[in-house]
C-alpha atoms as a PDB file:
ATOM      1  CA  MET A   1     130.295  59.086  89.796  1.00  0.00           C
ATOM      2  CA  THR A   2     133.479  58.937  87.331  1.00  0.00           C
ATOM      3  CA  ALA A   3     135.951  61.832  86.768  1.00  0.00           C
ATOM      4  CA  ALA A   4     133.682  64.398  86.066  1.00  0.00           C
ATOM      5  CA  THR A   5     134.541  66.548  82.967  1.00  0.00           C
ATOM      6  CA  PRO A   6     134.160  70.453  82.734  1.00  0.00           C
ATOM      7  CA  ALA A   7     131.167  70.468  81.255  1.00  0.00           C
ATOM      8  CA  ALA A   8     129.577  67.539  83.416  1.00  0.00           C
ATOM      9  CA  ALA A   9     130.668  69.895  86.098  1.00  0.00           C
ATOM     10  CA  GLU A  10     128.357  72.687  85.238  1.00  0.00           C
ATOM     11  CA  LEU A  11     125.372  70.343  84.184  1.00  0.00           C
ATOM     12  CA  VAL A  12     125.694  69.313  87.953  1.00  0.00           C
ATOM     13  CA  GLN A  13     125.995  72.989  89.362  1.00  0.00           C
ATOM     14  CA  ARG A  14     123.447  73.762  86.871  1.00  0.00           C
ATOM     15  CA  ALA A  15     120.759  70.794  88.392  1.00  0.00           C
ATOM     16  CA  ALA A  16     122.018  71.802  92.333  1.00  0.00           C
ATOM     17  CA  GLY A  17     120.746  74.947  91.369  1.00  0.00           C
ATOM     18  CA  VAL A  18     117.668  74.488  90.442  1.00  0.00           C
ATOM     19  CA  ILE A  19     116.786  72.630  93.410  1.00  0.00           C
ATOM     20  CA  ALA A  20     118.430  75.355  95.400  1.00  0.00           C
ATOM     21  CA  ALA A  21     116.196  78.161  94.383  1.00  0.00           C
ATOM     22  CA  LYS A  22     113.418  75.732  94.618  1.00  0.00           C
ATOM     23  CA  HIS A  23     113.576  75.210  97.909  1.00  0.00           C
ATOM     24  CA  ARG A  24     113.762  78.922  98.847  1.00  0.00           C
ATOM     25  CA  GLY A  25     111.215  79.437  97.323  1.00  0.00           C
ATOM     26  CA  ASP A  26     112.717  81.379  93.811  1.00  0.00           C
ATOM     27  CA  LEU A  27     110.138  79.249  91.434  1.00  0.00           C
ATOM     28  CA  ASP A  28     111.291  82.125  88.638  1.00  0.00           C
ATOM     29  CA  GLY A  29     114.886  81.485  89.044  1.00  0.00           C
ATOM     30  CA  ALA A  30     114.460  78.077  89.225  1.00  0.00           C
ATOM     31  CA  GLU A  31     112.430  77.690  85.607  1.00  0.00           C
ATOM     32  CA  GLU A  32     115.222  80.108  84.497  1.00  0.00           C
ATOM     33  CA  LEU A  33     117.715  76.827  85.417  1.00  0.00           C
ATOM     34  CA  LEU A  34     116.063  74.720  83.914  1.00  0.00           C
ATOM     35  CA  ALA A  35     115.027  76.122  80.237  1.00  0.00           C
ATOM     36  CA  ALA A  36     119.346  77.121  80.416  1.00  0.00           C
ATOM     37  CA  PHE A  37     120.131  73.107  79.841  1.00  0.00           C
ATOM     38  CA  PRO A  38     121.062  73.022  76.510  1.00  0.00           C
ATOM     39  CA  GLY A  39     118.747  69.644  76.166  1.00  0.00           C
ATOM     40  CA  GLU A  40     116.179  66.997  77.709  1.00  0.00           C
ATOM     41  CA  ARG A  41     119.513  64.853  77.084  1.00  0.00           C
ATOM     42  CA  ALA A  42     122.049  67.683  79.176  1.00  0.00           C
ATOM     43  CA  ARG A  43     119.185  67.893  81.943  1.00  0.00           C
ATOM     44  CA  THR A  44     118.663  64.358  82.508  1.00  0.00           C
ATOM     45  CA  LEU A  45     122.170  63.529  82.580  1.00  0.00           C
ATOM     46  CA  GLY A  46     122.997  66.850  85.106  1.00  0.00           C
ATOM     47  CA  PHE A  47     120.084  65.539  87.132  1.00  0.00           C
ATOM     48  CA  TYR A  48     121.372  61.953  87.000  1.00  0.00           C
ATOM     49  CA  LEU A  49     125.038  62.600  88.096  1.00  0.00           C
ATOM     50  CA  LEU A  50     123.970  65.372  91.036  1.00  0.00           C
ATOM     51  CA  ALA A  51     121.684  62.484  92.144  1.00  0.00           C
ATOM     52  CA  ASP A  52     124.495  59.922  92.167  1.00  0.00           C
ATOM     53  CA  LEU A  53     126.567  62.384  93.848  1.00  0.00           C
ATOM     54  CA  ALA A  54     124.247  62.850  96.249  1.00  0.00           C
ATOM     55  CA  LEU A  55     123.218  59.314  97.298  1.00  0.00           C
ATOM     56  CA  GLY A  56     127.107  58.722  97.788  1.00  0.00           C
ATOM     57  CA  LEU A  57     127.376  61.210 100.162  1.00  0.00           C
ATOM     58  CA  VAL A  58     124.510  60.112 101.674  1.00  0.00           C
ATOM     59  CA  ARG A  59     125.994  56.484 101.753  1.00  0.00           C
ATOM     60  CA  ALA A  60     128.904  57.425 103.181  1.00  0.00           C
ATOM     61  CA  GLY A  61     127.679  59.303 105.591  1.00  0.00           C
ATOM     62  CA  SER A  62     125.032  56.519 106.681  1.00  0.00           C
ATOM     63  CA  GLY A  63     127.090  53.472 106.018  1.00  0.00           C
ATOM     64  CA  GLN A  64     124.547  52.061 104.474  1.00  0.00           C
ATOM     65  CA  SER A  65     125.396  50.171 101.270  1.00  0.00           C
ATOM     66  CA  MET A  66     123.773  51.344  97.937  1.00  0.00           C
ATOM     67  CA  ASP A  67     121.566  48.328  97.873  1.00  0.00           C
ATOM     68  CA  ASP A  68     119.964  49.487 101.150  1.00  0.00           C
ATOM     69  CA  LEU A  69     119.653  52.980 100.604  1.00  0.00           C
ATOM     70  CA  MET A  70     118.061  52.447  97.338  1.00  0.00           C
ATOM     71  CA  ARG A  71     115.518  49.745  99.270  1.00  0.00           C
ATOM     72  CA  GLU A  72     114.792  52.480 101.838  1.00  0.00           C
ATOM     73  CA  LEU A  73     114.630  55.293  99.088  1.00  0.00           C
ATOM     74  CA  SER A  74     112.099  53.315  97.345  1.00  0.00           C
ATOM     75  CA  LEU A  75     110.324  52.907 100.566  1.00  0.00           C
ATOM     76  CA  LEU A  76     109.922  56.716 101.136  1.00  0.00           C
ATOM     77  CA  VAL A  77     108.651  57.273  97.339  1.00  0.00           C
ATOM     78  CA  ALA A  78     106.130  54.674  97.712  1.00  0.00           C
ATOM     79  CA  ALA A  79     104.997  56.308 101.041  1.00  0.00           C
ATOM     80  CA  THR A  80     104.547  59.823  99.698  1.00  0.00           C
ATOM     81  CA  ALA A  81     103.048  58.363  96.955  1.00  0.00           C
ATOM     82  CA  ASP A  82     100.428  56.849  98.848  1.00  0.00           C
ATOM     83  CA  ASP A  83     100.087  59.847 101.026  1.00  0.00           C
ATOM     84  CA  ARG A  84      99.413  62.124  97.872  1.00  0.00           C
ATOM     85  CA  PRO A  85      95.463  63.253  97.577  1.00  0.00           C
ATOM     86  CA  SER A  86      94.278  61.652  94.404  1.00  0.00           C
ATOM     87  CA  GLU A  87      94.233  64.211  91.453  1.00  0.00           C
ATOM     88  CA  ARG A  88      90.871  62.653  90.180  1.00  0.00           C
ATOM     89  CA  PRO A  89      87.767  64.611  90.448  1.00  0.00           C
END
């Protein structure tokens, strides 16, 4: 991740807050934080920067290359999608 500006850091913190609120069961708080983003572009940037930072931490901790980490993540996402029940009646 490139050097974060204060505005970008605020977006990342807000995105992290959404995830933290969701995981502690505070769905109303998560919704409020999502609504507090100044727009869709800011929301997308905040979550992108948070993902980039989080993946960098995982990569550093695991010693994997980013390509290997992305390959593993893609397989996990595909497996999760395959495990979900069909939403069709």
